[in-house]
Amino acid sequence: MFPELQLMAQAVEALALPHLDGLQIVYAPTVARLHHPPLEPEHPALVLRWGDAPPARVEQTLRNAYPEQHRLTLVRQAGTSSQKVWAIPLADLHRQTGLDASTVLYLPPLPREAGFTTFQETIAHLRAPEGCPWDRMQTHLTLRPYLLEETYEVLEALDAEDPDALAEELGDLLLQVVLHTQIAVEYGEFKMADVLGHINRKLWRRHPHVFGDVEVSSVDEVTANWEAIKKAEKARTNGGADTAASALDGVPKGLPALAQAMAISKKAARVGFEWPNIQGVLDKIVEEAAEIVQAGRPEEVESEIGDLLFAVVNLARWKNVDPESALRETNARFGRRFRRLEALAAARGRSLDGMTIEELDALWEQAKREEVRR
């Protein structure tokens, strides 16, 4: 028996593992070189070859997939009279000394429901003949509204700065991605490997300062490189010719209007269509507001209000503010204060439609003060 196979067999015996179903083998130096472990956390794993792998670096990589209190078991010199077996939380791995070639680390699996492979199996099962009638009837087109809905719920969790809600909503959004992919598998369009391979290759191409030998000194240089690489990719897609019709190409038509305006504004600014300073933006807002007052026909009013909103989006860009997020936060803040205003009026036995604007304004200011105190 090869020495390494013998070491694993002795470690398995020392650990008294009930079965080897799905057991993964990985080398500590490999884990130490990476930023995410090459493991399926829903399956058990053995980590070997500890001689020249820093435990602290291995711990850092494993933390990207496992909780810091995940219980690990270490075995040294398994099957000998000097055998030692001890358990630690992942957070203590960096404190371990003397880990050598005779050491084996056992990573017990996370719950099966926490694995990506299991998630893909769940979706494939839902779409199978014995699966769920609702899931089986879905198509790429029928799922469109759910993709948008789940995206907005992720944004809501982000706005609320609620990590638990964010984890749940990201799962709901991931469901849409995996469900679309499963439908594509069934129709012979593509598989998950194509989805992941496409985005991985794109990230590698567009980050040559990380995965290549390009050097950058600022975020602006990163952005400039990104746009140049995208342009070259489009030219290759079009048979080697740069057939881009406009600097504004690439802005998704389905974006919310504010987000779309921001994307358009950024693209125009990158080619020099820009005010020399922020005062020009502020002057434009004043100008557009005045034109709304002067507008006569309804279509003119609508057009001028659109121009004003676009000018405000430009101001947001100059101030490094996401207008979509800013407006969502304002909507939420207005909703909280208005509900408090309603409660204050009800406590006085009054209805809002029976109060003067001065009374309503006084209650509004009270609601604002109470929110600040909280």
Protein backbone atom coordinates (compact mmCIF):
# COMPACT_ATOMS: atom_id res chain seq x y z
CA MET A 1 0.00 0.00 0.00
CA PHE A 2 1.25 3.50 -0.85
CA PRO A 3 2.33 5.38 2.33
CA GLU A 4 -0.29 8.09 1.81
CA LEU A 5 -3.09 5.57 1.33
CA GLN A 6 -1.93 3.78 4.46
CA LEU A 7 -1.92 7.08 6.38
CA MET A 8 -5.50 7.80 5.26
CA ALA A 9 -6.65 4.30 6.17
CA GLN A 10 -5.10 4.58 9.63
CA ALA A 11 -6.61 8.06 10.12
CA VAL A 12 -10.08 6.83 9.11
CA GLU A 13 -9.75 4.02 11.63
CA ALA A 14 -8.55 6.40 14.36
CA LEU A 15 -11.47 8.73 13.64
CA ALA A 16 -13.92 5.81 13.67
CA LEU A 17 -15.75 7.23 10.67
CA PRO A 18 -19.03 5.36 10.14
CA HIS A 19 -18.74 5.48 6.32
CA LEU A 20 -16.69 7.05 3.52
CA ASP A 21 -19.59 8.22 1.37
CA GLY A 22 -18.48 11.33 -0.52
CA LEU A 23 -15.14 11.55 1.36
CA GLN A 24 -12.91 14.22 -0.22
CA ILE A 25 -9.12 14.36 -0.10
CA VAL A 26 -7.22 17.63 -0.36
CA TYR A 27 -3.67 18.73 0.41
CA ALA A 28 -2.99 21.47 2.95
CA PRO A 29 -0.52 23.37 0.68
CA THR A 30 -3.21 23.50 -2.01
CA VAL A 31 -5.75 24.95 0.42
CA ALA A 32 -3.16 27.46 1.67
CA ARG A 33 -2.61 28.80 -1.86
CA LEU A 34 -6.31 29.43 -2.47
CA HIS A 35 -8.91 31.86 -1.18
CA HIS A 36 -11.82 29.40 -1.18
CA PRO A 37 -11.36 25.69 -0.41
CA PRO A 38 -11.73 23.24 -3.34
CA LEU A 39 -14.31 21.26 -1.39
CA GLU A 40 -18.02 20.52 -1.28
CA PRO A 41 -18.75 21.40 2.38
CA GLU A 42 -21.77 19.08 2.46
CA HIS A 43 -19.35 16.12 2.20
CA PRO A 44 -16.61 15.09 4.68
CA ALA A 45 -12.98 15.80 3.84
CA LEU A 46 -9.46 14.85 4.90
CA VAL A 47 -6.64 17.41 4.65
CA LEU A 48 -3.15 15.89 4.24
CA ARG A 49 0.49 16.97 3.75
CA TRP A 50 0.83 19.46 6.58
CA GLY A 51 4.61 19.65 6.51
CA ASP A 52 4.96 23.00 4.72
CA ALA A 53 1.44 24.51 4.95
CA PRO A 54 0.88 27.38 7.42
CA PRO A 55 -2.13 26.45 9.60
CA ALA A 56 -3.17 30.13 9.77
CA ARG A 57 -3.40 30.37 5.97
CA VAL A 58 -5.32 27.08 5.72
CA GLU A 59 -7.73 28.34 8.39
CA GLN A 60 -8.30 31.58 6.52
CA THR A 61 -9.22 29.71 3.34
CA LEU A 62 -11.48 27.21 5.12
CA ARG A 63 -13.32 30.08 6.84
CA ASN A 64 -14.59 31.12 3.42
CA ALA A 65 -16.81 28.01 3.40
CA TYR A 66 -17.10 26.81 7.01
CA PRO A 67 -18.27 28.54 10.22
CA GLU A 68 -15.48 29.55 12.59
CA GLN A 69 -16.88 27.24 15.30
CA HIS A 70 -17.06 24.22 12.97
CA ARG A 71 -15.52 21.30 14.88
CA LEU A 72 -12.43 19.74 13.29
CA THR A 73 -10.53 16.65 14.36
CA LEU A 74 -6.76 16.27 14.01
CA VAL A 75 -4.92 12.95 14.02
CA ARG A 76 -1.16 12.71 14.34
CA GLN A 77 0.83 9.50 13.79
CA ALA A 78 -2.31 7.42 13.35
CA GLY A 79 -1.93 3.70 13.94
CA THR A 80 1.22 4.04 16.06
CA SER A 81 1.84 4.00 19.79
CA SER A 82 2.28 7.79 19.59
CA GLN A 83 -1.12 8.36 18.01
CA LYS A 84 -2.83 11.56 19.13
CA VAL A 85 -6.41 12.60 18.31
CA TRP A 86 -7.85 15.96 19.35
CA ALA A 87 -10.76 18.20 18.35
CA ILE A 88 -10.77 21.98 17.92
CA PRO A 89 -12.99 24.66 16.41
CA LEU A 90 -11.85 25.97 13.05
CA ALA A 91 -11.07 29.31 14.72
CA ASP A 92 -8.25 27.62 16.68
CA LEU A 93 -6.49 25.99 13.74
CA HIS A 94 -3.91 28.77 13.51
CA ARG A 95 -2.85 28.03 17.10
CA GLN A 96 -1.86 24.43 16.32
CA THR A 97 1.86 23.66 16.25
CA GLY A 98 3.86 20.66 15.13
CA LEU A 99 1.52 19.70 12.27
CA ASP A 100 3.68 17.49 10.07
CA ALA A 101 3.45 14.93 7.29
CA SER A 102 1.94 12.40 9.73
CA THR A 103 -0.98 14.76 10.53
CA VAL A 104 -4.45 14.38 9.03
CA LEU A 105 -7.24 16.92 9.56
CA TYR A 106 -10.83 15.73 9.35
CA LEU A 107 -13.50 18.20 8.25
CA PRO A 108 -16.98 16.86 9.08
CA PRO A 109 -19.68 17.83 6.60
CA LEU A 110 -21.99 20.77 6.96
CA PRO A 111 -25.71 19.92 6.89
CA ARG A 112 -26.72 18.56 3.48
CA GLU A 113 -29.16 21.40 2.92
CA ALA A 114 -26.20 23.82 2.95
CA GLY A 115 -24.52 22.45 -0.19
CA PHE A 116 -24.74 23.80 -3.72
CA THR A 117 -24.77 20.31 -5.22
CA THR A 118 -27.70 19.35 -3.00
CA PHE A 119 -29.47 22.56 -4.04
CA GLN A 120 -29.06 21.65 -7.70
CA GLU A 121 -30.44 18.18 -6.91
CA THR A 122 -33.45 19.78 -5.18
CA ILE A 123 -34.24 21.93 -8.23
CA ALA A 124 -33.71 19.04 -10.66
CA HIS A 125 -36.06 16.92 -8.54
CA LEU A 126 -38.71 19.65 -8.54
CA ARG A 127 -38.53 19.70 -12.34
CA ALA A 128 -38.54 15.89 -12.70
CA PRO A 129 -41.66 13.93 -13.79
CA GLU A 130 -42.31 13.04 -10.14
CA GLY A 131 -41.63 16.60 -9.01
CA CYS A 132 -43.83 19.65 -8.45
CA PRO A 133 -46.51 20.45 -11.09
CA TRP A 134 -45.98 24.21 -10.63
CA ASP A 135 -42.20 24.03 -11.06
CA ARG A 136 -42.52 21.69 -14.03
CA MET A 137 -44.75 24.10 -15.95
CA GLN A 138 -42.36 27.06 -15.64
CA THR A 139 -40.37 28.42 -18.57
CA HIS A 140 -37.73 31.11 -18.94
CA LEU A 141 -40.48 33.57 -19.86
CA THR A 142 -42.94 32.68 -17.09
CA LEU A 143 -40.17 33.13 -14.48
CA ARG A 144 -39.31 36.69 -15.58
CA PRO A 145 -41.47 38.52 -13.00
CA TYR A 146 -40.12 36.37 -10.15
CA LEU A 147 -36.53 37.21 -11.07
CA LEU A 148 -37.32 40.91 -10.87
CA GLU A 149 -39.33 40.51 -7.66
CA GLU A 150 -36.56 38.58 -5.90
CA THR A 151 -33.97 41.14 -7.00
CA TYR A 152 -35.96 43.94 -5.40
CA GLU A 153 -36.37 41.94 -2.20
CA VAL A 154 -32.57 41.56 -2.05
CA LEU A 155 -32.27 45.33 -2.41
CA GLU A 156 -34.82 45.80 0.38
CA ALA A 157 -32.75 43.58 2.69
CA LEU A 158 -29.64 45.56 1.79
CA ASP A 159 -31.39 48.84 2.53
CA ALA A 160 -32.50 47.47 5.90
CA GLU A 161 -28.90 46.33 6.66
CA ASP A 162 -30.38 43.02 7.85
CA PRO A 163 -27.85 40.18 7.29
CA ASP A 164 -30.34 37.41 8.15
CA ALA A 165 -32.89 38.76 5.69
CA LEU A 166 -30.15 39.26 3.10
CA ALA A 167 -29.03 35.62 3.39
CA GLU A 168 -32.63 34.47 2.90
CA GLU A 169 -33.32 36.80 -0.02
CA LEU A 170 -30.07 35.92 -1.79
CA GLY A 171 -31.16 32.29 -1.53
CA ASP A 172 -34.47 33.18 -3.18
CA LEU A 173 -32.59 34.99 -5.94
CA LEU A 174 -30.22 32.04 -6.38
CA LEU A 175 -33.28 29.81 -6.77
CA GLN A 176 -34.17 31.78 -9.88
CA VAL A 177 -30.67 31.37 -11.33
CA VAL A 178 -30.58 27.61 -10.70
CA LEU A 179 -34.16 27.11 -11.89
CA HIS A 180 -33.41 28.91 -15.17
CA THR A 181 -30.29 26.80 -15.55
CA GLN A 182 -32.18 23.55 -14.92
CA ILE A 183 -34.73 24.52 -17.56
CA ALA A 184 -31.84 25.18 -19.96
CA VAL A 185 -30.36 21.75 -19.16
CA GLU A 186 -33.65 20.06 -20.02
CA TYR A 187 -33.89 21.89 -23.36
CA GLY A 188 -30.24 21.25 -24.25
CA GLU A 189 -29.35 24.95 -24.12
CA PHE A 190 -26.56 25.00 -21.51
CA LYS A 191 -25.55 23.57 -18.13
CA MET A 192 -24.44 25.08 -14.82
CA ALA A 193 -20.81 24.49 -15.84
CA ASP A 194 -21.41 26.83 -18.80
CA VAL A 195 -22.89 29.52 -16.54
CA LEU A 196 -20.04 29.32 -14.03
CA GLY A 197 -17.37 28.92 -16.69
CA HIS A 198 -18.62 31.96 -18.57
CA ILE A 199 -18.57 34.29 -15.59
CA ASN A 200 -15.26 32.92 -14.28
CA ARG A 201 -13.51 33.47 -17.61
CA LYS A 202 -15.02 36.94 -17.89
CA LEU A 203 -13.76 37.91 -14.42
CA TRP A 204 -10.29 36.56 -15.19
CA ARG A 205 -10.18 38.48 -18.50
CA ARG A 206 -11.40 41.72 -17.00
CA HIS A 207 -9.10 41.65 -13.97
CA PRO A 208 -5.65 41.34 -15.58
CA HIS A 209 -4.26 43.36 -12.66
CA VAL A 210 -5.25 40.45 -10.37
CA PHE A 211 -4.94 37.37 -12.60
CA GLY A 212 -2.35 38.69 -15.04
CA ASP A 213 0.65 40.99 -15.15
CA VAL A 214 -1.08 44.35 -15.69
CA GLU A 215 -0.31 46.98 -13.06
CA VAL A 216 -2.82 49.63 -11.96
CA SER A 217 -2.54 52.47 -9.47
CA SER A 218 -6.15 53.57 -9.05
CA VAL A 219 -9.80 52.57 -9.34
CA ASP A 220 -10.07 54.84 -12.39
CA GLU A 221 -7.42 52.75 -14.17
CA VAL A 222 -9.30 49.57 -13.27
CA THR A 223 -12.50 51.04 -14.76
CA ALA A 224 -10.70 52.20 -17.91
CA ASN A 225 -9.16 48.75 -18.42
CA TRP A 226 -12.55 47.12 -17.84
CA GLU A 227 -14.19 49.25 -20.54
CA ALA A 228 -11.33 48.66 -23.00
CA ILE A 229 -11.49 44.90 -22.45
CA LYS A 230 -15.28 44.91 -22.91
CA LYS A 231 -14.87 46.83 -26.18
CA ALA A 232 -12.29 44.31 -27.42
CA GLU A 233 -14.56 41.43 -26.46
CA LYS A 234 -17.42 42.93 -28.43
CA ALA A 235 -15.16 43.43 -31.45
CA ARG A 236 -14.12 39.75 -31.33
CA THR A 237 -17.77 38.72 -31.05
CA ASN A 238 -18.50 40.75 -34.19
CA GLY A 239 -15.82 39.00 -36.23
CA GLY A 240 -12.94 41.31 -35.38
CA ALA A 241 -14.61 44.56 -36.34
CA ASP A 242 -15.55 47.19 -33.78
CA THR A 243 -19.18 47.70 -34.82
CA ALA A 244 -20.31 49.42 -31.62
CA ALA A 245 -22.78 52.10 -32.70
CA SER A 246 -22.56 54.21 -29.57
CA ALA A 247 -20.68 54.78 -26.34
CA LEU A 248 -24.02 54.13 -24.67
CA ASP A 249 -24.26 50.54 -25.93
CA GLY A 250 -24.59 47.94 -23.22
CA VAL A 251 -27.05 49.70 -20.92
CA PRO A 252 -29.76 47.09 -20.17
CA LYS A 253 -33.19 48.23 -21.35
CA GLY A 254 -34.90 46.47 -18.45
CA LEU A 255 -33.16 48.48 -15.72
CA PRO A 256 -35.30 50.68 -13.46
CA ALA A 257 -35.35 54.21 -14.88
CA LEU A 258 -33.10 55.77 -12.24
CA ALA A 259 -30.52 52.99 -12.52
CA GLN A 260 -30.67 53.22 -16.31
CA ALA A 261 -30.15 56.99 -16.17
CA MET A 262 -27.11 56.51 -13.94
CA ALA A 263 -25.61 53.95 -16.33
CA ILE A 264 -26.18 56.25 -19.31
CA SER A 265 -24.72 59.22 -17.43
CA LYS A 266 -21.56 57.28 -16.51
CA LYS A 267 -21.00 56.07 -20.05
CA ALA A 268 -21.42 59.57 -21.48
CA ALA A 269 -19.02 61.03 -18.91
CA ARG A 270 -16.34 58.43 -19.75
CA VAL A 271 -16.06 59.80 -23.29
CA GLY A 272 -15.85 63.43 -22.11
CA PHE A 273 -19.51 64.48 -22.26
CA GLU A 274 -19.31 66.05 -18.83
CA TRP A 275 -19.51 69.32 -16.92
CA PRO A 276 -16.13 70.75 -15.88
CA ASN A 277 -17.28 71.00 -12.25
CA ILE A 278 -20.26 70.26 -10.03
CA GLN A 279 -21.55 73.84 -10.29
CA GLY A 280 -22.56 73.09 -13.87
CA VAL A 281 -24.69 70.21 -12.62
CA LEU A 282 -26.36 72.38 -9.98
CA ASP A 283 -27.06 75.11 -12.54
CA LYS A 284 -28.63 72.52 -14.84
CA ILE A 285 -30.99 71.39 -12.07
CA VAL A 286 -32.13 74.98 -11.51
CA GLU A 287 -32.58 75.44 -15.26
CA GLU A 288 -34.66 72.29 -15.63
CA ALA A 289 -36.85 73.20 -12.64
CA ALA A 290 -37.57 76.59 -14.21
CA GLU A 291 -38.51 74.93 -17.51
CA ILE A 292 -41.09 72.78 -15.72
CA VAL A 293 -42.78 75.98 -14.49
CA GLN A 294 -42.73 77.42 -18.03
CA ALA A 295 -44.01 74.24 -19.72
CA GLY A 296 -47.57 74.35 -21.03
CA ARG A 297 -48.81 71.15 -22.62
CA PRO A 298 -48.88 67.97 -20.48
CA GLU A 299 -46.34 66.27 -22.72
CA GLU A 300 -43.99 69.23 -22.25
CA VAL A 301 -44.36 69.01 -18.46
CA GLU A 302 -43.61 65.29 -18.59
CA SER A 303 -40.54 65.87 -20.75
CA GLU A 304 -39.18 68.62 -18.50
CA ILE A 305 -39.73 66.57 -15.34
CA GLY A 306 -37.76 63.77 -17.00
CA ASP A 307 -34.95 66.22 -17.78
CA LEU A 308 -34.94 67.37 -14.16
CA LEU A 309 -34.74 63.81 -12.88
CA PHE A 310 -31.86 63.06 -15.26
CA ALA A 311 -30.02 66.17 -14.02
CA VAL A 312 -30.51 65.03 -10.41
CA VAL A 313 -29.08 61.62 -11.37
CA ASN A 314 -26.01 63.40 -12.69
CA LEU A 315 -25.67 65.19 -9.36
CA ALA A 316 -25.90 61.83 -7.60
CA ARG A 317 -23.08 60.55 -9.82
CA TRP A 318 -20.91 63.53 -8.95
CA LYS A 319 -21.58 62.88 -5.26
CA ASN A 320 -20.95 59.10 -5.59
CA VAL A 321 -24.53 58.35 -4.52
CA ASP A 322 -26.63 55.56 -6.04
CA PRO A 323 -29.90 57.36 -6.91
CA GLU A 324 -31.94 54.15 -6.89
CA SER A 325 -30.80 53.32 -3.35
CA ALA A 326 -31.20 56.93 -2.21
CA LEU A 327 -34.80 57.09 -3.43
CA ARG A 328 -35.66 53.70 -1.90
CA GLU A 329 -34.31 54.93 1.44
CA THR A 330 -36.32 58.15 1.12
CA ASN A 331 -39.45 56.13 0.33
CA ALA A 332 -38.89 53.97 3.41
CA ARG A 333 -38.19 57.02 5.60
CA PHE A 334 -41.31 58.80 4.33
CA GLY A 335 -43.37 55.66 4.99
CA ARG A 336 -42.13 55.37 8.58
CA ARG A 337 -42.82 59.02 9.33
CA PHE A 338 -46.22 59.05 7.64
CA ARG A 339 -47.36 55.99 9.60
CA ARG A 340 -46.21 57.73 12.79
CA LEU A 341 -48.13 60.85 11.73
CA GLU A 342 -51.25 58.68 11.32
CA ALA A 343 -50.72 57.19 14.78
CA LEU A 344 -50.28 60.65 16.35
CA ALA A 345 -53.49 61.87 14.71
CA ALA A 346 -55.38 58.76 15.84
CA ALA A 347 -54.15 59.30 19.42
CA ARG A 348 -55.80 62.72 19.28
CA GLY A 349 -59.03 61.26 17.93
CA ARG A 350 -58.52 63.01 14.58
CA SER A 351 -58.59 61.78 10.99
CA LEU A 352 -56.08 63.13 8.50
CA ASP A 353 -58.70 64.35 6.03
CA GLY A 354 -60.21 66.54 8.76
CA MET A 355 -56.98 68.34 9.67
CA THR A 356 -55.51 71.52 8.24
CA ILE A 357 -52.17 71.50 6.44
CA GLU A 358 -50.67 73.39 9.39
CA GLU A 359 -51.83 70.67 11.81
CA LEU A 360 -50.52 67.94 9.54
CA ASP A 361 -47.19 69.71 9.20
CA ALA A 362 -46.90 69.98 13.00
CA LEU A 363 -47.51 66.24 13.38
CA TRP A 364 -44.99 65.55 10.59
CA GLU A 365 -42.32 67.54 12.41
CA GLN A 366 -43.10 65.67 15.62
CA ALA A 367 -42.75 62.35 13.82
CA LYS A 368 -39.38 63.49 12.45
CA ARG A 369 -38.14 64.53 15.90
CA GLU A 370 -39.21 61.22 17.42
CA GLU A 371 -37.36 59.31 14.71
CA VAL A 372 -34.17 61.28 15.37
CA ARG A 373 -34.42 60.57 19.13
CA ARG A 374 -34.73 56.84 18.44
